[in-house]
N, C-alpha and C. Protein backbone atom coordinates (compact mmCIF):
# COMPACT_ATOMS: atom_id res chain seq x y z
N MET A 1 12.85 -21.35 14.35
CA MET A 1 12.20 -21.12 13.08
C MET A 1 13.20 -21.48 11.97
N THR A 2 12.71 -22.21 10.99
CA THR A 2 13.59 -22.63 9.90
C THR A 2 13.82 -21.48 8.92
N ARG A 3 14.83 -21.65 8.12
CA ARG A 3 15.17 -20.64 7.12
C ARG A 3 14.04 -20.49 6.09
N THR A 4 13.38 -21.60 5.77
CA THR A 4 12.27 -21.55 4.83
C THR A 4 11.11 -20.72 5.38
N ALA A 5 10.80 -20.89 6.66
CA ALA A 5 9.72 -20.12 7.29
C ALA A 5 10.05 -18.63 7.27
N ILE A 6 11.29 -18.30 7.52
CA ILE A 6 11.71 -16.89 7.49
C ILE A 6 11.55 -16.33 6.08
N GLU A 7 11.96 -17.09 5.08
CA GLU A 7 11.86 -16.62 3.69
C GLU A 7 10.40 -16.45 3.25
N ILE A 8 9.53 -17.34 3.69
CA ILE A 8 8.11 -17.21 3.35
C ILE A 8 7.54 -15.94 3.97
N ARG A 9 7.89 -15.67 5.20
CA ARG A 9 7.41 -14.46 5.86
C ARG A 9 7.98 -13.21 5.18
N ARG A 10 9.21 -13.28 4.73
CA ARG A 10 9.78 -12.14 4.00
C ARG A 10 9.12 -11.98 2.64
N TRP A 11 8.67 -13.08 2.06
CA TRP A 11 7.95 -12.99 0.80
C TRP A 11 6.67 -12.19 1.00
N PHE A 12 5.98 -12.39 2.13
CA PHE A 12 4.80 -11.60 2.43
C PHE A 12 5.16 -10.11 2.51
N GLY A 13 6.33 -9.81 3.04
CA GLY A 13 6.80 -8.42 3.06
C GLY A 13 7.02 -7.88 1.66
N LYS A 14 7.51 -8.72 0.76
CA LYS A 14 7.70 -8.29 -0.63
C LYS A 14 6.37 -8.03 -1.30
N VAL A 15 5.38 -8.84 -0.99
CA VAL A 15 4.03 -8.61 -1.53
C VAL A 15 3.51 -7.26 -1.03
N ALA A 16 3.74 -6.98 0.25
CA ALA A 16 3.29 -5.69 0.81
C ALA A 16 3.98 -4.54 0.08
N LEU A 17 5.26 -4.66 -0.19
CA LEU A 17 5.97 -3.60 -0.91
C LEU A 17 5.47 -3.47 -2.35
N LEU A 18 5.14 -4.58 -2.99
CA LEU A 18 4.59 -4.53 -4.34
C LEU A 18 3.27 -3.78 -4.36
N LEU A 19 2.39 -4.10 -3.43
CA LEU A 19 1.09 -3.43 -3.39
C LEU A 19 1.25 -1.94 -3.09
N ALA A 20 2.17 -1.59 -2.21
CA ALA A 20 2.44 -0.18 -1.94
C ALA A 20 3.00 0.50 -3.19
N GLY A 21 3.81 -0.21 -3.93
CA GLY A 21 4.35 0.33 -5.18
C GLY A 21 3.26 0.60 -6.21
N LEU A 22 2.25 -0.26 -6.26
CA LEU A 22 1.13 -0.03 -7.17
C LEU A 22 0.39 1.25 -6.80
N TRP A 23 0.25 1.49 -5.51
CA TRP A 23 -0.40 2.73 -5.08
C TRP A 23 0.45 3.94 -5.47
N VAL A 24 1.76 3.83 -5.37
CA VAL A 24 2.64 4.94 -5.75
C VAL A 24 2.47 5.26 -7.23
N VAL A 25 2.29 4.24 -8.06
CA VAL A 25 2.06 4.47 -9.49
C VAL A 25 0.78 5.27 -9.70
N VAL A 26 -0.27 4.91 -8.98
CA VAL A 26 -1.53 5.65 -9.07
C VAL A 26 -1.34 7.09 -8.59
N LEU A 27 -0.58 7.26 -7.52
CA LEU A 27 -0.33 8.59 -6.99
C LEU A 27 0.48 9.43 -7.97
N VAL A 28 1.46 8.84 -8.63
CA VAL A 28 2.26 9.56 -9.63
C VAL A 28 1.37 9.97 -10.80
N ALA A 29 0.45 9.11 -11.21
CA ALA A 29 -0.48 9.45 -12.29
C ALA A 29 -1.36 10.63 -11.88
N LEU A 30 -1.79 10.65 -10.63
CA LEU A 30 -2.60 11.77 -10.13
C LEU A 30 -1.80 13.07 -10.15
N VAL A 31 -0.57 13.00 -9.68
CA VAL A 31 0.29 14.18 -9.66
C VAL A 31 0.61 14.64 -11.09
N ALA A 32 0.82 13.70 -12.00
CA ALA A 32 1.10 14.06 -13.40
C ALA A 32 -0.10 14.76 -14.02
N GLY A 33 -1.30 14.30 -13.70
CA GLY A 33 -2.51 14.97 -14.20
C GLY A 33 -2.61 16.39 -13.70
N ILE A 34 -2.25 16.59 -12.44
CA ILE A 34 -2.26 17.94 -11.88
C ILE A 34 -1.19 18.80 -12.53
N ALA A 35 -0.01 18.23 -12.75
CA ALA A 35 1.10 18.99 -13.34
C ALA A 35 0.82 19.41 -14.77
N GLN A 36 0.00 18.65 -15.47
CA GLN A 36 -0.33 18.99 -16.86
C GLN A 36 -1.46 20.00 -16.95
N GLY A 37 -1.89 20.49 -15.81
CA GLY A 37 -2.90 21.53 -15.81
C GLY A 37 -4.32 21.01 -15.73
N GLY A 38 -4.45 19.74 -15.44
CA GLY A 38 -5.79 19.16 -15.32
C GLY A 38 -6.50 19.66 -14.08
N SER A 39 -7.80 19.75 -14.18
CA SER A 39 -8.61 20.16 -13.04
C SER A 39 -8.92 18.93 -12.21
N VAL A 40 -8.43 18.92 -11.00
CA VAL A 40 -8.64 17.77 -10.12
C VAL A 40 -9.45 18.23 -8.91
N PRO A 41 -10.66 17.68 -8.75
CA PRO A 41 -11.46 18.04 -7.59
C PRO A 41 -10.80 17.59 -6.29
N VAL A 42 -11.17 18.26 -5.22
CA VAL A 42 -10.60 17.94 -3.91
C VAL A 42 -10.91 16.51 -3.51
N LEU A 43 -12.10 16.02 -3.88
CA LEU A 43 -12.47 14.65 -3.56
C LEU A 43 -11.49 13.66 -4.18
N ASN A 44 -11.07 13.91 -5.40
CA ASN A 44 -10.10 13.03 -6.06
C ASN A 44 -8.77 13.01 -5.30
N LEU A 45 -8.33 14.18 -4.84
CA LEU A 45 -7.08 14.25 -4.08
C LEU A 45 -7.18 13.47 -2.78
N VAL A 46 -8.28 13.66 -2.08
CA VAL A 46 -8.46 12.97 -0.80
C VAL A 46 -8.50 11.46 -1.01
N LEU A 47 -9.25 11.02 -2.00
CA LEU A 47 -9.35 9.58 -2.25
C LEU A 47 -8.05 9.00 -2.81
N GLY A 48 -7.25 9.81 -3.46
CA GLY A 48 -5.95 9.34 -3.95
C GLY A 48 -4.94 9.16 -2.83
N VAL A 49 -5.03 10.00 -1.81
CA VAL A 49 -4.08 9.95 -0.70
C VAL A 49 -4.57 9.03 0.43
N LEU A 50 -5.85 8.76 0.48
CA LEU A 50 -6.43 7.94 1.55
C LEU A 50 -5.73 6.59 1.77
N PRO A 51 -5.36 5.84 0.73
CA PRO A 51 -4.69 4.56 0.97
C PRO A 51 -3.34 4.68 1.68
N ALA A 52 -2.78 5.87 1.75
CA ALA A 52 -1.52 6.06 2.48
C ALA A 52 -1.66 5.69 3.94
N VAL A 53 -2.87 5.81 4.46
CA VAL A 53 -3.12 5.45 5.86
C VAL A 53 -2.70 4.01 6.13
N ALA A 54 -2.86 3.14 5.15
CA ALA A 54 -2.48 1.74 5.32
C ALA A 54 -1.13 1.42 4.68
N PHE A 55 -0.83 2.02 3.53
CA PHE A 55 0.39 1.65 2.81
C PHE A 55 1.67 2.13 3.49
N VAL A 56 1.64 3.28 4.11
CA VAL A 56 2.86 3.78 4.77
C VAL A 56 3.28 2.88 5.93
N PRO A 57 2.37 2.51 6.86
CA PRO A 57 2.81 1.58 7.90
C PRO A 57 3.13 0.19 7.35
N ALA A 58 2.43 -0.25 6.30
CA ALA A 58 2.74 -1.56 5.70
C ALA A 58 4.17 -1.58 5.17
N THR A 59 4.58 -0.49 4.56
CA THR A 59 5.95 -0.38 4.05
C THR A 59 6.95 -0.38 5.20
N TYR A 60 6.62 0.32 6.26
CA TYR A 60 7.49 0.34 7.44
C TYR A 60 7.71 -1.08 7.99
N PHE A 61 6.62 -1.82 8.15
CA PHE A 61 6.73 -3.18 8.69
C PHE A 61 7.43 -4.11 7.70
N ALA A 62 7.20 -3.94 6.40
CA ALA A 62 7.86 -4.78 5.40
C ALA A 62 9.37 -4.55 5.39
N ILE A 63 9.77 -3.30 5.52
CA ILE A 63 11.21 -3.01 5.57
C ILE A 63 11.81 -3.58 6.85
N GLY A 64 11.11 -3.42 7.96
CA GLY A 64 11.58 -4.01 9.22
C GLY A 64 11.69 -5.52 9.14
N LEU A 65 10.78 -6.13 8.42
CA LEU A 65 10.79 -7.58 8.23
C LEU A 65 12.04 -8.03 7.48
N HIS A 66 12.47 -7.25 6.52
CA HIS A 66 13.66 -7.61 5.75
C HIS A 66 14.97 -7.26 6.44
N ARG A 67 14.92 -6.38 7.42
CA ARG A 67 16.15 -5.94 8.08
C ARG A 67 16.55 -6.80 9.27
N THR A 68 15.64 -7.65 9.75
CA THR A 68 15.94 -8.39 10.96
C THR A 68 16.06 -9.89 10.68
N ASP A 69 16.83 -10.55 11.53
CA ASP A 69 16.93 -12.01 11.50
C ASP A 69 16.33 -12.62 12.76
N ASP A 70 15.83 -11.77 13.65
CA ASP A 70 15.25 -12.23 14.90
C ASP A 70 13.87 -12.84 14.63
N PRO A 71 13.69 -14.15 14.91
CA PRO A 71 12.39 -14.79 14.63
C PRO A 71 11.21 -14.14 15.36
N GLU A 72 11.45 -13.62 16.55
CA GLU A 72 10.37 -12.96 17.28
C GLU A 72 9.91 -11.69 16.57
N GLN A 73 10.86 -10.91 16.08
CA GLN A 73 10.52 -9.69 15.33
C GLN A 73 9.83 -10.03 14.01
N ILE A 74 10.32 -11.07 13.35
CA ILE A 74 9.71 -11.49 12.08
C ILE A 74 8.26 -11.90 12.30
N ASN A 75 8.02 -12.67 13.35
CA ASN A 75 6.65 -13.09 13.65
C ASN A 75 5.75 -11.92 14.00
N LYS A 76 6.33 -10.85 14.50
CA LYS A 76 5.56 -9.65 14.84
C LYS A 76 5.28 -8.80 13.61
N PHE A 77 6.24 -8.71 12.70
CA PHE A 77 6.14 -7.80 11.57
C PHE A 77 5.28 -8.32 10.41
N TRP A 78 5.41 -9.61 10.06
CA TRP A 78 4.79 -10.06 8.82
C TRP A 78 3.28 -9.95 8.80
N PRO A 79 2.54 -10.24 9.88
CA PRO A 79 1.09 -10.08 9.77
C PRO A 79 0.67 -8.62 9.59
N TRP A 80 1.40 -7.72 10.24
CA TRP A 80 1.10 -6.30 10.10
C TRP A 80 1.38 -5.83 8.68
N ALA A 81 2.51 -6.22 8.13
CA ALA A 81 2.86 -5.79 6.77
C ALA A 81 1.82 -6.27 5.76
N LEU A 82 1.48 -7.54 5.83
CA LEU A 82 0.53 -8.08 4.86
C LEU A 82 -0.88 -7.55 5.10
N GLY A 83 -1.31 -7.50 6.34
CA GLY A 83 -2.66 -7.03 6.65
C GLY A 83 -2.88 -5.58 6.25
N LEU A 84 -1.91 -4.74 6.55
CA LEU A 84 -2.04 -3.32 6.19
C LEU A 84 -1.97 -3.12 4.68
N ALA A 85 -1.17 -3.93 3.99
CA ALA A 85 -1.10 -3.83 2.53
C ALA A 85 -2.43 -4.23 1.90
N ILE A 86 -3.05 -5.27 2.43
CA ILE A 86 -4.36 -5.67 1.92
C ILE A 86 -5.40 -4.59 2.22
N ALA A 87 -5.33 -4.02 3.41
CA ALA A 87 -6.25 -2.91 3.75
C ALA A 87 -6.03 -1.73 2.80
N GLY A 88 -4.79 -1.45 2.47
CA GLY A 88 -4.49 -0.37 1.54
C GLY A 88 -5.06 -0.63 0.16
N MET A 89 -4.98 -1.89 -0.30
CA MET A 89 -5.55 -2.22 -1.60
C MET A 89 -7.07 -2.09 -1.58
N VAL A 90 -7.69 -2.49 -0.47
CA VAL A 90 -9.14 -2.33 -0.34
C VAL A 90 -9.50 -0.84 -0.41
N LEU A 91 -8.73 -0.01 0.28
CA LEU A 91 -8.97 1.44 0.22
C LEU A 91 -8.76 1.98 -1.20
N LEU A 92 -7.71 1.51 -1.88
CA LEU A 92 -7.42 1.99 -3.23
C LEU A 92 -8.52 1.58 -4.20
N ILE A 93 -8.94 0.33 -4.14
CA ILE A 93 -10.00 -0.14 -5.04
C ILE A 93 -11.32 0.55 -4.70
N GLY A 94 -11.59 0.70 -3.41
CA GLY A 94 -12.81 1.40 -2.99
C GLY A 94 -12.82 2.85 -3.44
N SER A 95 -11.68 3.50 -3.35
CA SER A 95 -11.57 4.90 -3.80
C SER A 95 -11.79 5.00 -5.30
N ALA A 96 -11.17 4.09 -6.04
CA ALA A 96 -11.33 4.10 -7.50
C ALA A 96 -12.77 3.85 -7.89
N TYR A 97 -13.41 2.91 -7.22
CA TYR A 97 -14.82 2.63 -7.52
C TYR A 97 -15.70 3.81 -7.14
N GLY A 98 -15.40 4.43 -6.01
CA GLY A 98 -16.16 5.60 -5.60
C GLY A 98 -16.05 6.73 -6.60
N LEU A 99 -14.84 6.97 -7.09
CA LEU A 99 -14.65 8.02 -8.11
C LEU A 99 -15.38 7.66 -9.41
N TYR A 100 -15.35 6.40 -9.75
CA TYR A 100 -16.06 5.94 -10.96
C TYR A 100 -17.55 6.21 -10.84
N ARG A 101 -18.11 5.88 -9.67
CA ARG A 101 -19.55 6.08 -9.46
C ARG A 101 -19.91 7.57 -9.47
N VAL A 102 -19.03 8.40 -8.90
CA VAL A 102 -19.29 9.85 -8.89
C VAL A 102 -19.28 10.40 -10.33
N GLU A 103 -18.33 9.92 -11.13
CA GLU A 103 -18.22 10.39 -12.51
C GLU A 103 -19.41 9.93 -13.35
N GLN A 104 -20.00 8.79 -13.01
CA GLN A 104 -21.13 8.25 -13.77
C GLN A 104 -22.42 9.01 -13.49
N SER A 105 -22.49 9.66 -12.34
CA SER A 105 -23.75 10.34 -12.00
C SER A 105 -23.71 11.82 -12.32
């Protein structure tokens, strides 16, 4: 595997970390709302934490992708990191839309 191929696969890991970071920002906003005394329904908490199911393993695989130089490990890690990060974003957007729809009704 060429150095360029390795760097492209690591770039996918960076994208996974970026998407996980966006979820952390949303989570911090949720926690800040709670800390300021806001009333947060249980549904909001569950939907805020739900994307962790995908983002936590995506972060694990992305970090593993950056720590290794073994082409076999890199080929194993990058699809998991990117796929789980995309799944996490789908969960995050779906949760946000679901909360929006609940608030509208």
